[in-house]
Amino acid sequence: MSLLAPLFSKLLDRYQGGEPSGVVATDVPGVRFYWATKTLPRTPLLYSAGIVIVGQGFKIGYLGSRKFRYDRETYLVLGVPVPFECETHASPDEPLLGISVDIELTMLHELVAKFSSSLHLKSGDAAADPHAGLEPVRMDEGMVEATLRLLTCLCDPLDSKVLGAGATNEIVYRVLRGEKGRVLYNLTQHQTPYAAVARALERMHRDYRTSLSVDELARQNAMSVSSFHRAFKRVTGQSPLQYLKKVRLDKARGLLIHDKMRVNNVAFEVGYESPSQFSREFKRHFKVSPSEADTLAYSYVGQSAL
């Protein structure tokens, strides 16, 4: 049995409340606990930037031609929000259990400033070379021990209040020291294509309702259109226009499921000028029409843990 499993089970006892799946904020800011009690099919989703650690069960992710598994032996690090497809493997007897840790940029800069001159990056991982913003990483001994300390904090409200921030800092530090540390490290290197894509993504998530052009995003980041497009696709696995469409559709799914908004209103709310075009693209993406979005509700909670 994993050293982490008893602590994940303790969190399930505390937070589940009879719900078959869910995601909740813990007593440590920026850390969420999630669970699912049944297998969920391959479904489009949008993961936020952060670190995903699974204590039980596993997920299979699909990003372009890439296929990857993350489980108790492999954590996931995302330097930027990434849309991909994911399937969850779980059961009532062995539910999926995990936590996610947000990336706080001020804290990340402070950590990097303390040891950047000693940070070891693999050859070919130079900051000037844009790379994928999502990577599965093997759980090494240091990461397991850091996760154990964070989980121990999460099981006690007072520990969470006093020790939680230090425990999350250690998680981020261990990721930076790991084999894919560049995914976070390069966010602090502002004059690189990777950082430029990160800034463009921030703009897209803030202004997704408006008409954003690739030319405008490239110009704002002092890049040629071709260079920006190439870097963007390498980091996110999508073209800029594909990415923006998936952001809008993911926002729409949330409005339909949680806010119970009318389909036409949702279409305009997320930036579509034509409700019929919105309905076509929603069905093409999620395999159900917007009026059937409630059928995605369990999947939305179980998959969109971040």
Protein backbone atom coordinates (compact mmCIF):
# COMPACT_ATOMS: atom_id res chain seq x y z
CA MET A 1 0.00 0.00 0.00
CA SER A 2 1.20 3.51 -0.79
CA LEU A 3 2.35 5.59 2.19
CA LEU A 4 -0.06 8.28 1.00
CA ALA A 5 -3.18 6.08 0.72
CA PRO A 6 -4.32 6.24 4.40
CA LEU A 7 -4.16 10.04 4.38
CA PHE A 8 -6.09 10.29 1.11
CA SER A 9 -8.73 7.97 2.61
CA LYS A 10 -8.92 10.22 5.66
CA LEU A 11 -9.60 13.20 3.41
CA LEU A 12 -12.34 11.24 1.64
CA ASP A 13 -14.03 10.50 4.97
CA ARG A 14 -13.88 14.20 5.80
CA TYR A 15 -15.08 15.70 2.53
CA GLN A 16 -17.17 13.17 0.57
CA GLY A 17 -20.48 13.69 2.37
CA GLY A 18 -22.15 10.91 0.38
CA GLU A 19 -21.45 12.52 -3.00
CA PRO A 20 -20.24 10.08 -5.71
CA SER A 21 -17.76 12.62 -7.04
CA GLY A 22 -16.62 16.12 -6.25
CA VAL A 23 -13.91 18.69 -5.79
CA VAL A 24 -13.57 20.87 -2.68
CA ALA A 25 -11.26 23.58 -1.43
CA THR A 26 -9.25 22.42 1.58
CA ASP A 27 -8.12 24.45 4.59
CA VAL A 28 -4.88 25.24 2.74
CA PRO A 29 -5.40 28.04 0.18
CA GLY A 30 -4.80 26.89 -3.39
CA VAL A 31 -5.11 23.17 -2.58
CA ARG A 32 -8.17 21.17 -3.60
CA PHE A 33 -9.17 17.57 -2.90
CA TYR A 34 -11.12 15.59 -5.48
CA TRP A 35 -12.65 12.15 -5.77
CA ALA A 36 -14.70 10.00 -8.18
CA THR A 37 -16.30 6.63 -7.50
CA LYS A 38 -16.84 5.34 -11.01
CA THR A 39 -15.03 5.18 -14.33
CA LEU A 40 -15.69 8.14 -16.60
CA PRO A 41 -15.27 8.00 -20.39
CA ARG A 42 -12.89 10.07 -22.44
CA THR A 43 -14.16 13.64 -22.15
CA PRO A 44 -12.83 17.07 -23.19
CA LEU A 45 -11.75 19.26 -20.28
CA LEU A 46 -9.61 22.25 -19.45
CA TYR A 47 -7.05 21.90 -16.68
CA SER A 48 -5.76 25.02 -14.95
CA ALA A 49 -2.08 25.59 -14.25
CA GLY A 50 -1.03 23.56 -11.24
CA ILE A 51 0.26 20.27 -9.90
CA VAL A 52 -2.00 17.19 -9.82
CA ILE A 53 -1.15 14.35 -7.44
CA VAL A 54 -3.18 11.12 -7.49
CA GLY A 55 -3.24 8.87 -4.44
CA GLN A 56 -5.55 6.14 -5.75
CA GLY A 57 -7.06 5.20 -9.09
CA PHE A 58 -5.69 6.69 -12.28
CA LYS A 59 -6.43 8.92 -15.26
CA ILE A 60 -5.46 8.67 -18.92
CA GLY A 61 -4.88 11.95 -20.73
CA TYR A 62 -4.84 12.62 -24.48
CA LEU A 63 -3.23 15.74 -25.93
CA GLY A 64 -2.82 15.70 -29.69
CA SER A 65 -0.80 12.58 -30.48
CA ARG A 66 0.32 12.21 -26.85
CA LYS A 67 -1.23 9.71 -24.46
CA PHE A 68 -0.17 9.67 -20.81
CA ARG A 69 -1.21 8.10 -17.53
CA TYR A 70 -1.08 9.76 -14.14
CA ASP A 71 -1.53 7.78 -10.97
CA ARG A 72 0.11 7.33 -7.56
CA GLU A 73 3.48 6.86 -9.28
CA THR A 74 3.18 9.84 -11.63
CA TYR A 75 2.11 13.40 -10.93
CA LEU A 76 1.09 15.97 -13.52
CA VAL A 77 2.59 19.45 -13.78
CA LEU A 78 0.93 22.18 -15.84
CA GLY A 79 2.64 25.51 -16.29
CA VAL A 80 -0.32 26.92 -18.23
CA PRO A 81 -4.02 26.01 -18.61
CA VAL A 82 -4.23 23.16 -21.13
CA PRO A 83 -7.32 21.71 -22.87
CA PHE A 84 -7.08 17.99 -23.44
CA GLU A 85 -9.18 14.85 -23.16
CA CYS A 86 -9.19 12.64 -20.11
CA GLU A 87 -10.71 9.38 -18.89
CA THR A 88 -11.01 8.47 -15.20
CA HIS A 89 -10.60 4.94 -13.85
CA ALA A 90 -12.24 4.37 -10.47
CA SER A 91 -14.83 2.29 -8.65
CA PRO A 92 -16.83 2.51 -5.38
CA ASP A 93 -14.37 0.07 -3.77
CA GLU A 94 -11.34 1.93 -5.12
CA PRO A 95 -12.32 5.56 -5.83
CA LEU A 96 -10.06 8.00 -7.59
CA LEU A 97 -8.49 10.25 -4.92
CA GLY A 98 -6.21 13.19 -5.54
CA ILE A 99 -5.22 16.74 -4.79
CA SER A 100 -4.35 19.71 -6.94
CA VAL A 101 -2.00 22.54 -5.98
CA ASP A 102 -2.27 25.95 -7.64
CA ILE A 103 0.80 27.77 -8.90
CA GLU A 104 1.15 31.18 -7.23
CA LEU A 105 3.49 33.22 -9.41
CA THR A 106 4.84 35.48 -6.66
CA MET A 107 5.83 32.46 -4.61
CA LEU A 108 7.29 30.77 -7.70
CA HIS A 109 9.49 33.80 -8.43
CA GLU A 110 10.68 33.86 -4.82
CA LEU A 111 11.62 30.18 -4.92
CA VAL A 112 13.43 30.50 -8.23
CA ALA A 113 15.33 33.58 -7.03
CA LYS A 114 16.71 31.58 -4.11
CA PHE A 115 18.30 28.82 -6.12
CA SER A 116 18.09 29.54 -9.85
CA SER A 117 21.86 29.63 -10.25
CA SER A 118 22.01 26.07 -8.94
CA LEU A 119 18.93 24.75 -10.76
CA HIS A 120 19.79 21.81 -12.97
CA LEU A 121 17.87 21.65 -16.25
CA LYS A 122 18.23 18.75 -18.64
CA SER A 123 20.09 19.39 -21.89
CA GLY A 124 17.78 20.76 -24.54
CA ASP A 125 15.57 22.39 -21.91
CA ALA A 126 16.92 25.89 -22.39
CA ALA A 127 14.49 28.61 -21.45
CA ALA A 128 14.53 30.01 -24.98
CA ASP A 129 13.12 26.78 -26.38
CA PRO A 130 9.32 26.61 -26.01
CA HIS A 131 8.10 23.26 -24.74
CA ALA A 132 4.91 21.53 -23.71
CA GLY A 133 3.08 23.24 -20.87
CA LEU A 134 1.88 19.88 -19.52
CA GLU A 135 4.09 16.99 -18.44
CA PRO A 136 3.63 13.76 -16.45
CA VAL A 137 6.51 13.28 -13.98
CA ARG A 138 7.64 10.29 -11.94
CA MET A 139 7.02 10.58 -8.17
CA ASP A 140 10.51 10.43 -6.67
CA GLU A 141 11.30 10.01 -2.99
CA GLY A 142 11.52 13.73 -2.30
CA MET A 143 8.12 14.38 -3.88
CA VAL A 144 6.51 11.51 -1.96
CA GLU A 145 7.84 12.85 1.34
CA ALA A 146 6.70 16.41 0.52
CA THR A 147 3.24 15.13 -0.40
CA LEU A 148 3.08 13.16 2.84
CA ARG A 149 3.73 16.36 4.79
CA LEU A 150 1.09 18.30 2.83
CA LEU A 151 -1.53 15.57 3.30
CA THR A 152 -0.80 15.47 7.01
CA CYS A 153 -1.49 19.21 7.14
CA LEU A 154 -4.72 18.82 5.19
CA CYS A 155 -6.05 16.34 7.75
CA ASP A 156 -5.78 18.88 10.58
CA PRO A 157 -7.28 22.41 10.38
CA LEU A 158 -4.71 23.94 12.73
CA ASP A 159 -1.79 22.30 10.91
CA SER A 160 -3.28 23.60 7.66
CA LYS A 161 -3.39 27.13 9.02
CA VAL A 162 0.12 27.13 10.49
CA LEU A 163 2.07 24.77 8.21
CA GLY A 164 0.04 24.63 5.01
CA ALA A 165 1.79 27.43 3.10
CA GLY A 166 5.21 25.93 3.81
CA ALA A 167 4.01 22.49 2.73
CA THR A 168 2.72 23.78 -0.62
CA ASN A 169 5.94 25.73 -1.16
CA GLU A 170 7.86 22.50 -0.69
CA ILE A 171 5.70 20.75 -3.30
CA VAL A 172 6.48 23.47 -5.85
CA TYR A 173 10.16 23.38 -4.88
CA ARG A 174 10.27 19.60 -5.46
CA VAL A 175 8.68 20.06 -8.88
CA LEU A 176 11.27 22.70 -9.78
CA ARG A 177 14.02 20.29 -8.73
CA GLY A 178 12.44 17.44 -10.71
CA GLU A 179 13.08 16.25 -14.22
CA LYS A 180 10.40 18.55 -15.70
CA GLY A 181 11.11 21.57 -13.50
CA ARG A 182 11.45 23.77 -16.58
CA VAL A 183 7.64 23.68 -16.99
CA LEU A 184 7.43 25.98 -13.96
CA TYR A 185 10.89 27.54 -14.02
CA ASN A 186 10.44 29.03 -17.49
CA LEU A 187 7.34 30.91 -16.37
CA THR A 188 9.73 33.19 -14.48
CA GLN A 189 11.90 33.87 -17.55
CA HIS A 190 9.95 36.73 -19.08
CA GLN A 191 11.76 37.19 -22.40
CA THR A 192 11.13 33.66 -23.72
CA PRO A 193 8.54 32.31 -26.18
CA TYR A 194 7.16 30.08 -23.41
CA ALA A 195 6.51 33.06 -21.14
CA ALA A 196 5.02 34.96 -24.08
CA VAL A 197 2.53 32.13 -24.67
CA ALA A 198 1.70 32.13 -20.94
CA ARG A 199 0.91 35.86 -21.13
CA ALA A 200 -1.24 35.31 -24.23
CA LEU A 201 -3.14 32.55 -22.43
CA GLU A 202 -3.81 34.87 -19.50
CA ARG A 203 -5.30 37.38 -21.94
CA MET A 204 -7.38 34.71 -23.67
CA HIS A 205 -8.87 33.45 -20.40
CA ARG A 206 -9.66 37.00 -19.32
CA ASP A 207 -11.06 38.26 -22.64
CA TYR A 208 -12.45 35.07 -24.21
CA ARG A 209 -15.79 36.81 -24.93
CA THR A 210 -14.12 39.31 -27.27
CA SER A 211 -12.79 38.86 -30.76
CA LEU A 212 -9.09 38.08 -30.31
CA SER A 213 -6.86 37.72 -33.35
CA VAL A 214 -3.59 35.84 -33.61
CA ASP A 215 -2.00 38.95 -35.13
CA GLU A 216 -2.93 41.01 -32.06
CA LEU A 217 -1.68 38.40 -29.57
CA ALA A 218 1.61 38.01 -31.46
CA ARG A 219 2.10 41.78 -31.68
CA GLN A 220 1.48 42.25 -27.95
CA ASN A 221 4.27 39.76 -27.25
CA ALA A 222 6.70 41.21 -29.82
CA MET A 223 6.67 38.04 -31.95
CA SER A 224 6.01 37.38 -35.60
CA VAL A 225 2.71 35.62 -36.29
CA SER A 226 4.46 32.46 -37.50
CA SER A 227 6.78 32.30 -34.47
CA PHE A 228 3.92 32.93 -32.06
CA HIS A 229 1.71 30.31 -33.72
CA ARG A 230 4.53 27.73 -33.62
CA ALA A 231 5.36 28.42 -29.96
CA PHE A 232 1.69 28.43 -28.95
CA LYS A 233 1.04 25.03 -30.51
CA ARG A 234 4.12 23.52 -28.94
CA VAL A 235 3.16 24.73 -25.46
CA THR A 236 -0.58 23.93 -25.57
CA GLY A 237 -0.92 21.29 -28.27
CA GLN A 238 -3.49 23.54 -30.02
CA SER A 239 -3.51 26.42 -32.47
CA PRO A 240 -4.54 29.75 -30.86
CA LEU A 241 -7.98 29.68 -32.50
CA GLN A 242 -8.58 26.04 -31.48
CA TYR A 243 -7.57 26.91 -27.94
CA LEU A 244 -9.87 29.93 -27.73
CA LYS A 245 -12.79 27.86 -29.02
CA LYS A 246 -12.20 25.21 -26.33
CA VAL A 247 -11.99 27.85 -23.61
CA ARG A 248 -15.33 29.29 -24.73
CA LEU A 249 -16.99 25.87 -24.89
CA ASP A 250 -15.66 24.89 -21.48
CA LYS A 251 -17.01 28.13 -20.00
CA ALA A 252 -20.32 27.43 -21.73
CA ARG A 253 -20.53 23.95 -20.24
CA GLY A 254 -20.20 25.40 -16.75
CA LEU A 255 -22.88 28.03 -17.41
CA LEU A 256 -25.29 25.42 -18.74
CA ILE A 257 -24.74 22.91 -15.94
CA HIS A 258 -24.31 25.14 -12.90
CA ASP A 259 -26.05 28.39 -13.78
CA LYS A 260 -28.88 26.78 -15.80
CA MET A 261 -28.68 29.56 -18.39
CA ARG A 262 -30.65 29.38 -21.63
CA VAL A 263 -28.67 28.13 -24.64
CA ASN A 264 -28.99 31.36 -26.64
CA ASN A 265 -27.86 33.45 -23.67
CA VAL A 266 -24.88 31.19 -23.08
CA ALA A 267 -23.84 31.48 -26.73
CA PHE A 268 -23.65 35.28 -26.51
CA GLU A 269 -22.11 35.18 -23.02
CA VAL A 270 -19.07 33.19 -24.21
CA GLY A 271 -18.50 35.24 -27.36
CA TYR A 272 -20.50 33.58 -30.14
CA GLU A 273 -22.50 35.82 -32.48
CA SER A 274 -24.62 32.91 -33.74
CA PRO A 275 -26.43 30.54 -31.33
CA SER A 276 -26.73 27.97 -34.12
CA GLN A 277 -22.96 27.98 -34.68
CA PHE A 278 -22.46 27.67 -30.93
CA SER A 279 -24.81 24.66 -30.77
CA ARG A 280 -23.02 22.94 -33.65
CA GLU A 281 -19.58 23.43 -32.14
CA PHE A 282 -20.74 22.44 -28.65
CA LYS A 283 -22.17 19.16 -29.96
CA ARG A 284 -19.07 18.47 -32.06
CA HIS A 285 -16.86 18.99 -29.00
CA PHE A 286 -18.88 17.29 -26.24
CA LYS A 287 -20.92 14.81 -28.35
CA VAL A 288 -24.18 16.13 -26.87
CA SER A 289 -26.22 19.24 -27.68
CA PRO A 290 -26.23 22.23 -25.30
CA SER A 291 -29.80 21.32 -24.24
CA GLU A 292 -28.44 17.93 -23.09
CA ALA A 293 -25.56 19.43 -21.10
CA ASP A 294 -26.95 18.04 -17.83
CA THR A 295 -25.83 14.59 -18.99
CA LEU A 296 -22.27 15.90 -18.67
CA ALA A 297 -22.75 16.97 -15.04
CA TYR A 298 -21.21 13.93 -13.35
CA SER A 299 -18.37 13.92 -15.84
CA TYR A 300 -17.85 17.66 -15.34
CA VAL A 301 -17.39 17.27 -11.60
CA GLY A 302 -15.41 14.05 -11.80
CA GLN A 303 -13.05 15.13 -14.56
CA SER A 304 -12.65 18.85 -14.04
CA ALA A 305 -10.88 18.54 -10.73
CA LEU A 306 -8.76 21.57 -11.26
